[in-house]
Each structure stands twice: as structure tokens, then as C-alpha cells.
């Protein structure tokens, strides 16, 4: 299997998991159950699941008004982009 296909499958899988984690956390929040930690949610965001996480946040209106989470969320996205750009220049330039 070509590297591009493997990376695409990995990217889609991470985003599906991120979407499901954010969705499950919203479900648990509504029912006042034990929640998924913000650290776990941010890790999924950092490792590339930010599109899925963003979609879940917007669809379910989850964590969209919690500023202490949002600045960390955006920081993870910028770090993800920064590392991606650095990796590109280190390995593919």
C-alpha cells in the first residue's frame, strides 16, 4: 500500500476518533456523567484530529464558549501545523 494511502487512512481514522470523543464528551456532559478529560480531547486535536474535533464542536455546540479550552484548542492546531511544516522541510525538501 502506498504511503499516501496509509497517511490518508490514518488521518481519517484520527479525525473519526476525535469526532467521536468530542461527541461522547457532550453526551456525558448532558447526563452529568464522568467526562473525557480535556487533555485527551486536546491530544486528539494536536495529533491531527482537529477537523473532526472542530466539526463535533460546531455540530453539538460543545466547548464553544469555554475560552480556557478554546485558546488551548487553537494552540494545538497551530502547533500541529507548525510541526507539519517543519517535518515537510526536514524530510521532503
C-alpha atoms as a PDB file:
ATOM      1  CA  UNK A   1       0.000   0.000   0.000  1.00  0.00           C
ATOM      2  CA  UNK A   2       1.464   3.405  -0.966  1.00  0.00           C
ATOM      3  CA  UNK A   3       2.493   5.806   1.796  1.00  0.00           C
ATOM      4  CA  UNK A   4      -0.109   8.355   0.656  1.00  0.00           C
ATOM      5  CA  UNK A   5      -2.952   5.881   1.155  1.00  0.00           C
ATOM      6  CA  UNK A   6      -1.647   4.879   4.581  1.00  0.00           C
ATOM      7  CA  UNK A   7      -1.423   8.535   5.647  1.00  0.00           C
ATOM      8  CA  UNK A   8      -4.943   9.228   4.344  1.00  0.00           C
ATOM      9  CA  UNK A   9      -6.385   6.270   6.270  1.00  0.00           C
ATOM     10  CA  UNK A  10      -4.510   7.385   9.399  1.00  0.00           C
ATOM     11  CA  UNK A  11      -5.741  10.978   9.009  1.00  0.00           C
ATOM     12  CA  UNK A  12      -9.366   9.895   8.510  1.00  0.00           C
ATOM     13  CA  UNK A  13      -9.180   7.465  11.446  1.00  0.00           C
ATOM     14  CA  UNK A  14      -7.766  10.089  13.813  1.00  0.00           C
ATOM     15  CA  UNK A  15     -10.458  12.548  12.760  1.00  0.00           C
ATOM     16  CA  UNK A  16     -13.222  10.000  13.226  1.00  0.00           C
ATOM     17  CA  UNK A  17     -11.888   9.197  16.709  1.00  0.00           C
ATOM     18  CA  UNK A  18     -11.632  12.900  17.571  1.00  0.00           C
ATOM     19  CA  UNK A  19     -15.202  13.486  16.367  1.00  0.00           C
ATOM     20  CA  UNK A  20     -16.459  10.541  18.424  1.00  0.00           C
ATOM     21  CA  UNK A  21     -14.549  11.632  21.558  1.00  0.00           C
ATOM     22  CA  UNK A  22     -15.917  15.182  21.423  1.00  0.00           C
ATOM     23  CA  UNK A  23     -19.413  13.835  20.695  1.00  0.00           C
ATOM     24  CA  UNK A  24     -19.243  11.351  23.548  1.00  0.00           C
ATOM     25  CA  UNK A  25     -17.988  14.048  25.908  1.00  0.00           C
ATOM     26  CA  UNK A  26     -21.004  16.202  25.031  1.00  0.00           C
ATOM     27  CA  UNK A  27     -23.318  13.227  25.603  1.00  0.00           C
ATOM     28  CA  UNK A  28     -21.711  12.574  29.001  1.00  0.00           C
ATOM     29  CA  UNK A  29     -21.876  16.272  29.923  1.00  0.00           C
ATOM     30  CA  UNK A  30     -25.620  16.396  29.255  1.00  0.00           C
ATOM     31  CA  UNK A  31     -26.144  13.378  31.505  1.00  0.00           C
ATOM     32  CA  UNK A  32     -23.771  14.609  34.250  1.00  0.00           C
ATOM     33  CA  UNK A  33     -21.576  11.520  33.921  1.00  0.00           C
ATOM     34  CA  UNK A  34     -17.799  11.137  34.135  1.00  0.00           C
ATOM     35  CA  UNK A  35     -16.334  13.047  31.204  1.00  0.00           C
ATOM     36  CA  UNK A  36     -13.451  12.635  28.792  1.00  0.00           C
ATOM     37  CA  UNK A  37     -10.575  14.778  30.041  1.00  0.00           C
ATOM     38  CA  UNK A  38      -9.731  17.992  28.232  1.00  0.00           C
ATOM     39  CA  UNK A  39      -6.187  16.665  27.955  1.00  0.00           C
ATOM     40  CA  UNK A  40      -7.414  13.698  25.900  1.00  0.00           C
ATOM     41  CA  UNK A  41      -9.510  15.965  23.686  1.00  0.00           C
ATOM     42  CA  UNK A  42      -6.534  18.270  23.139  1.00  0.00           C
ATOM     43  CA  UNK A  43      -4.218  15.354  22.335  1.00  0.00           C
ATOM     44  CA  UNK A  44      -6.583  14.229  19.576  1.00  0.00           C
ATOM     45  CA  UNK A  45      -6.627  17.827  18.319  1.00  0.00           C
ATOM     46  CA  UNK A  46      -2.822  18.046  18.339  1.00  0.00           C
ATOM     47  CA  UNK A  47      -2.155  14.758  16.543  1.00  0.00           C
ATOM     48  CA  UNK A  48      -4.237  15.844  13.561  1.00  0.00           C
ATOM     49  CA  UNK A  49      -7.828  15.291  14.604  1.00  0.00           C
ATOM     50  CA  UNK A  50      -8.649  18.985  14.665  1.00  0.00           C
ATOM     51  CA  UNK A  51     -11.023  18.891  11.642  1.00  0.00           C
ATOM     52  CA  UNK A  52     -13.113  16.148  13.277  1.00  0.00           C
ATOM     53  CA  UNK A  53     -12.931  17.883  16.644  1.00  0.00           C
ATOM     54  CA  UNK A  54     -13.977  21.203  15.124  1.00  0.00           C
ATOM     55  CA  UNK A  55     -16.897  19.565  13.330  1.00  0.00           C
ATOM     56  CA  UNK A  56     -18.129  17.947  16.556  1.00  0.00           C
ATOM     57  CA  UNK A  57     -17.729  21.200  18.479  1.00  0.00           C
ATOM     58  CA  UNK A  58     -19.826  23.087  15.946  1.00  0.00           C
ATOM     59  CA  UNK A  59     -22.455  20.398  15.359  1.00  0.00           C
ATOM     60  CA  UNK A  60     -23.045  19.699  19.062  1.00  0.00           C
ATOM     61  CA  UNK A  61     -22.165  23.187  20.350  1.00  0.00           C
ATOM     62  CA  UNK A  62     -19.664  21.627  22.687  1.00  0.00           C
ATOM     63  CA  UNK A  63     -16.927  23.667  24.371  1.00  0.00           C
ATOM     64  CA  UNK A  64     -17.541  26.571  22.004  1.00  0.00           C
ATOM     65  CA  UNK A  65     -17.918  29.143  24.774  1.00  0.00           C
ATOM     66  CA  UNK A  66     -15.278  27.879  27.219  1.00  0.00           C
ATOM     67  CA  UNK A  67     -12.434  30.300  26.499  1.00  0.00           C
ATOM     68  CA  UNK A  68      -9.888  28.450  28.653  1.00  0.00           C
ATOM     69  CA  UNK A  69     -10.376  25.401  26.434  1.00  0.00           C
ATOM     70  CA  UNK A  70     -10.594  27.316  23.143  1.00  0.00           C
ATOM     71  CA  UNK A  71      -7.207  29.002  23.452  1.00  0.00           C
ATOM     72  CA  UNK A  72      -5.592  25.616  24.171  1.00  0.00           C
ATOM     73  CA  UNK A  73      -7.541  24.104  21.268  1.00  0.00           C
ATOM     74  CA  UNK A  74      -6.262  26.738  18.819  1.00  0.00           C
ATOM     75  CA  UNK A  75      -2.739  26.414  20.211  1.00  0.00           C
ATOM     76  CA  UNK A  76      -2.835  22.676  19.444  1.00  0.00           C
ATOM     77  CA  UNK A  77      -3.942  23.418  15.875  1.00  0.00           C
ATOM     78  CA  UNK A  78      -1.125  25.926  15.349  1.00  0.00           C
ATOM     79  CA  UNK A  79       1.414  23.525  16.855  1.00  0.00           C
ATOM     80  CA  UNK A  80       0.128  20.766  14.581  1.00  0.00           C
ATOM     81  CA  UNK A  81       0.570  22.990  11.532  1.00  0.00           C
ATOM     82  CA  UNK A  82       3.985  24.146  12.703  1.00  0.00           C
ATOM     83  CA  UNK A  83       5.253  20.609  13.191  1.00  0.00           C
ATOM     84  CA  UNK A  84       3.770  19.561   9.865  1.00  0.00           C
ATOM     85  CA  UNK A  85       5.570  22.374   8.056  1.00  0.00           C
ATOM     86  CA  UNK A  86       8.816  21.608   9.887  1.00  0.00           C
ATOM     87  CA  UNK A  87       8.509  17.905   9.026  1.00  0.00           C
ATOM     88  CA  UNK A  88       7.915  18.762   5.382  1.00  0.00           C
ATOM     89  CA  UNK A  89      11.085  20.837   5.158  1.00  0.00           C
ATOM     90  CA  UNK A  90      13.141  18.319   7.124  1.00  0.00           C
ATOM     91  CA  UNK A  91      12.073  15.210   5.229  1.00  0.00           C
ATOM     92  CA  UNK A  92      10.725  16.268   1.835  1.00  0.00           C
ATOM     93  CA  UNK A  93      12.653  19.371   0.833  1.00  0.00           C
END
